[in-house]
Amino acid sequence: MKTIINTDNAPAPLGPYNQAVLKADTLYISGQIAINPETNQLITSGVEDEARQVMKNLDAVLKAASMTFENVVKSSIFLNNMADFAKINVIYGSYFDEKTAPARETVAVDTLPKNVNIEISMIAVR
């Protein structure tokens, strides 16, 4: 059995998927991009603003599953431009304690949905 996690505090899925799926004690969070769920508008004011919105969206999905960033065991970060890595790393890092931060990979990709600069997915465990 799996439990579908959806919240109005994060953007609605753009296709045939859910914001997250909870299986036993493991939460699989779909990639989040910088859509403000209140306005349904894409944040386009810069990669740092995009990263902040992505992390807010991830936080909302975690909360909907009664979890926090402390539960995250794995993150995948997709960047449109690896030159943005340092800026993103500062914002992303502010959500974690370095001593207990999750495993992570960061990769540059050619194109992301809606031509955004960043997308992040996560796996969390209770």
C-alpha atoms as a PDB file:
ATOM      1  CA  MET A   1       0.000   0.000   0.000  1.00  0.00           C
ATOM      2  CA  LYS A   2       1.103   3.524  -0.677  1.00  0.00           C
ATOM      3  CA  THR A   3      -0.268   6.822   0.539  1.00  0.00           C
ATOM      4  CA  ILE A   4      -0.463   9.788  -1.810  1.00  0.00           C
ATOM      5  CA  ILE A   5       0.665  13.080  -0.273  1.00  0.00           C
ATOM      6  CA  ASN A   6      -0.672  16.295  -1.751  1.00  0.00           C
ATOM      7  CA  THR A   7      -0.973  19.743  -0.197  1.00  0.00           C
ATOM      8  CA  ASP A   8      -2.330  23.069  -1.392  1.00  0.00           C
ATOM      9  CA  ASN A   9       0.796  24.648   0.163  1.00  0.00           C
ATOM     10  CA  ALA A  10       2.937  23.345  -2.719  1.00  0.00           C
ATOM     11  CA  PRO A  11       2.326  23.606  -6.468  1.00  0.00           C
ATOM     12  CA  ALA A  12      -0.085  21.159  -8.045  1.00  0.00           C
ATOM     13  CA  PRO A  13       1.598  18.540 -10.231  1.00  0.00           C
ATOM     14  CA  LEU A  14       2.161  19.526 -13.854  1.00  0.00           C
ATOM     15  CA  GLY A  15       1.404  16.036 -15.149  1.00  0.00           C
ATOM     16  CA  PRO A  16       0.407  12.492 -14.179  1.00  0.00           C
ATOM     17  CA  TYR A  17       2.251  12.328 -10.854  1.00  0.00           C
ATOM     18  CA  ASN A  18       1.742  13.341  -7.215  1.00  0.00           C
ATOM     19  CA  GLN A  19       3.702  15.705  -5.023  1.00  0.00           C
ATOM     20  CA  ALA A  20       4.856  12.749  -2.949  1.00  0.00           C
ATOM     21  CA  VAL A  21       4.238   9.084  -2.222  1.00  0.00           C
ATOM     22  CA  LEU A  22       4.595   7.587   1.246  1.00  0.00           C
ATOM     23  CA  LYS A  23       5.440   3.870   1.327  1.00  0.00           C
ATOM     24  CA  ALA A  24       5.820   2.473   4.840  1.00  0.00           C
ATOM     25  CA  ASP A  25       8.099   5.031   6.525  1.00  0.00           C
ATOM     26  CA  THR A  26       9.708   6.361   3.332  1.00  0.00           C
ATOM     27  CA  LEU A  27       8.529   9.504   1.554  1.00  0.00           C
ATOM     28  CA  TYR A  28       9.430  10.005  -2.105  1.00  0.00           C
ATOM     29  CA  ILE A  29       9.004  13.669  -3.070  1.00  0.00           C
ATOM     30  CA  SER A  30       8.640  14.567  -6.728  1.00  0.00           C
ATOM     31  CA  GLY A  31      10.901  17.233  -8.176  1.00  0.00           C
ATOM     32  CA  GLN A  32       9.832  20.714  -7.170  1.00  0.00           C
ATOM     33  CA  ILE A  33      10.334  23.815  -9.267  1.00  0.00           C
ATOM     34  CA  ALA A  34       9.832  27.462  -8.324  1.00  0.00           C
ATOM     35  CA  ILE A  35       6.091  27.806  -8.666  1.00  0.00           C
ATOM     36  CA  ASN A  36       4.434  29.875  -5.950  1.00  0.00           C
ATOM     37  CA  PRO A  37       1.422  27.761  -4.882  1.00  0.00           C
ATOM     38  CA  GLU A  38      -0.555  30.831  -3.759  1.00  0.00           C
ATOM     39  CA  THR A  39      -0.431  32.499  -7.183  1.00  0.00           C
ATOM     40  CA  ASN A  40       0.422  29.496  -9.377  1.00  0.00           C
ATOM     41  CA  GLN A  41       3.052  31.763 -10.940  1.00  0.00           C
ATOM     42  CA  LEU A  42       6.580  30.720 -11.813  1.00  0.00           C
ATOM     43  CA  ILE A  43       9.306  32.637  -9.959  1.00  0.00           C
ATOM     44  CA  THR A  44      11.612  34.108 -12.613  1.00  0.00           C
ATOM     45  CA  SER A  45      13.430  36.818 -10.640  1.00  0.00           C
ATOM     46  CA  GLY A  46      16.685  34.859 -10.401  1.00  0.00           C
ATOM     47  CA  VAL A  47      18.169  31.510  -9.481  1.00  0.00           C
ATOM     48  CA  GLU A  48      18.422  32.369  -5.772  1.00  0.00           C
ATOM     49  CA  ASP A  49      14.725  33.310  -5.589  1.00  0.00           C
ATOM     50  CA  GLU A  50      13.924  30.105  -7.469  1.00  0.00           C
ATOM     51  CA  ALA A  51      15.938  28.054  -4.974  1.00  0.00           C
ATOM     52  CA  ARG A  52      14.165  29.662  -2.013  1.00  0.00           C
ATOM     53  CA  GLN A  53      10.747  28.881  -3.512  1.00  0.00           C
ATOM     54  CA  VAL A  54      11.760  25.295  -4.313  1.00  0.00           C
ATOM     55  CA  MET A  55      12.840  24.775  -0.703  1.00  0.00           C
ATOM     56  CA  LYS A  56       9.562  26.295   0.559  1.00  0.00           C
ATOM     57  CA  ASN A  57       7.657  23.893  -1.681  1.00  0.00           C
ATOM     58  CA  LEU A  58       9.667  20.925  -0.414  1.00  0.00           C
ATOM     59  CA  ASP A  59       9.077  22.061   3.168  1.00  0.00           C
ATOM     60  CA  ALA A  60       5.318  22.159   2.533  1.00  0.00           C
ATOM     61  CA  VAL A  61       5.309  18.609   1.156  1.00  0.00           C
ATOM     62  CA  LEU A  62       7.398  17.355   4.077  1.00  0.00           C
ATOM     63  CA  LYS A  63       5.004  19.013   6.542  1.00  0.00           C
ATOM     64  CA  ALA A  64       2.013  17.429   4.767  1.00  0.00           C
ATOM     65  CA  ALA A  65       3.610  14.064   5.565  1.00  0.00           C
ATOM     66  CA  SER A  66       4.368  15.139   9.175  1.00  0.00           C
ATOM     67  CA  MET A  67       8.105  15.348   8.470  1.00  0.00           C
ATOM     68  CA  THR A  68      10.831  18.001   8.364  1.00  0.00           C
ATOM     69  CA  PHE A  69      14.144  18.467   6.602  1.00  0.00           C
ATOM     70  CA  GLU A  70      15.674  16.414   9.429  1.00  0.00           C
ATOM     71  CA  ASN A  71      13.920  13.371   7.925  1.00  0.00           C
ATOM     72  CA  VAL A  72      15.524  13.850   4.499  1.00  0.00           C
ATOM     73  CA  VAL A  73      18.061  11.144   3.649  1.00  0.00           C
ATOM     74  CA  LYS A  74      18.624  11.878  -0.066  1.00  0.00           C
ATOM     75  CA  SER A  75      18.348  14.909  -2.329  1.00  0.00           C
ATOM     76  CA  SER A  76      18.762  15.254  -6.065  1.00  0.00           C
ATOM     77  CA  ILE A  77      19.436  18.735  -7.414  1.00  0.00           C
ATOM     78  CA  PHE A  78      19.139  19.477 -11.104  1.00  0.00           C
ATOM     79  CA  LEU A  79      20.602  22.750 -12.360  1.00  0.00           C
ATOM     80  CA  ASN A  80      20.310  24.392 -15.734  1.00  0.00           C
ATOM     81  CA  ASN A  81      23.782  25.870 -15.213  1.00  0.00           C
ATOM     82  CA  MET A  82      26.453  24.432 -12.909  1.00  0.00           C
ATOM     83  CA  ALA A  83      27.830  27.974 -12.544  1.00  0.00           C
ATOM     84  CA  ASP A  84      24.883  28.534 -10.144  1.00  0.00           C
ATOM     85  CA  PHE A  85      26.065  25.733  -7.818  1.00  0.00           C
ATOM     86  CA  ALA A  86      27.622  27.981  -5.149  1.00  0.00           C
ATOM     87  CA  LYS A  87      24.557  30.241  -4.902  1.00  0.00           C
ATOM     88  CA  ILE A  88      22.198  27.280  -4.671  1.00  0.00           C
ATOM     89  CA  ASN A  89      24.422  25.462  -2.185  1.00  0.00           C
ATOM     90  CA  VAL A  90      24.211  28.347   0.301  1.00  0.00           C
ATOM     91  CA  ILE A  91      20.413  28.421   0.199  1.00  0.00           C
ATOM     92  CA  TYR A  92      20.016  24.637   0.210  1.00  0.00           C
ATOM     93  CA  GLY A  93      22.570  24.286   3.007  1.00  0.00           C
ATOM     94  CA  SER A  94      20.685  26.709   5.254  1.00  0.00           C
ATOM     95  CA  TYR A  95      17.955  24.062   5.648  1.00  0.00           C
ATOM     96  CA  PHE A  96      20.286  21.366   7.022  1.00  0.00           C
ATOM     97  CA  ASP A  97      22.766  20.771   9.811  1.00  0.00           C
ATOM     98  CA  GLU A  98      26.032  19.916   8.068  1.00  0.00           C
ATOM     99  CA  LYS A  99      26.710  17.062  10.500  1.00  0.00           C
ATOM    100  CA  THR A 100      23.439  15.303   9.631  1.00  0.00           C
ATOM    101  CA  ALA A 101      22.824  16.564   6.079  1.00  0.00           C
ATOM    102  CA  PRO A 102      21.415  14.040   3.609  1.00  0.00           C
ATOM    103  CA  ALA A 103      23.226  12.296   0.796  1.00  0.00           C
ATOM    104  CA  ARG A 104      23.005  14.363  -2.387  1.00  0.00           C
ATOM    105  CA  GLU A 105      23.962  14.691  -5.996  1.00  0.00           C
ATOM    106  CA  THR A 106      23.875  17.820  -8.091  1.00  0.00           C
ATOM    107  CA  VAL A 107      23.843  17.559 -11.856  1.00  0.00           C
ATOM    108  CA  ALA A 108      23.590  20.025 -14.704  1.00  0.00           C
ATOM    109  CA  VAL A 109      20.950  19.268 -17.305  1.00  0.00           C
ATOM    110  CA  ASP A 110      20.163  20.777 -20.663  1.00  0.00           C
ATOM    111  CA  THR A 111      16.555  21.791 -19.973  1.00  0.00           C
ATOM    112  CA  LEU A 112      14.170  21.604 -17.024  1.00  0.00           C
ATOM    113  CA  PRO A 113      10.355  21.853 -16.981  1.00  0.00           C
ATOM    114  CA  LYS A 114       9.128  25.349 -17.872  1.00  0.00           C
ATOM    115  CA  ASN A 115      12.779  26.272 -18.547  1.00  0.00           C
ATOM    116  CA  VAL A 116      13.496  26.821 -14.844  1.00  0.00           C
ATOM    117  CA  ASN A 117      17.012  27.006 -13.455  1.00  0.00           C
ATOM    118  CA  ILE A 118      16.605  24.473 -10.636  1.00  0.00           C
ATOM    119  CA  GLU A 119      14.586  21.410  -9.638  1.00  0.00           C
ATOM    120  CA  ILE A 120      15.014  19.376  -6.449  1.00  0.00           C
ATOM    121  CA  SER A 121      13.578  16.016  -5.429  1.00  0.00           C
ATOM    122  CA  MET A 122      13.996  14.324  -2.055  1.00  0.00           C
ATOM    123  CA  ILE A 123      13.576  11.087  -0.155  1.00  0.00           C
ATOM    124  CA  ALA A 124      12.749  11.252   3.564  1.00  0.00           C
ATOM    125  CA  VAL A 125      12.339   8.565   6.219  1.00  0.00           C
ATOM    126  CA  ARG A 126      10.474   8.626   9.525  1.00  0.00           C
END
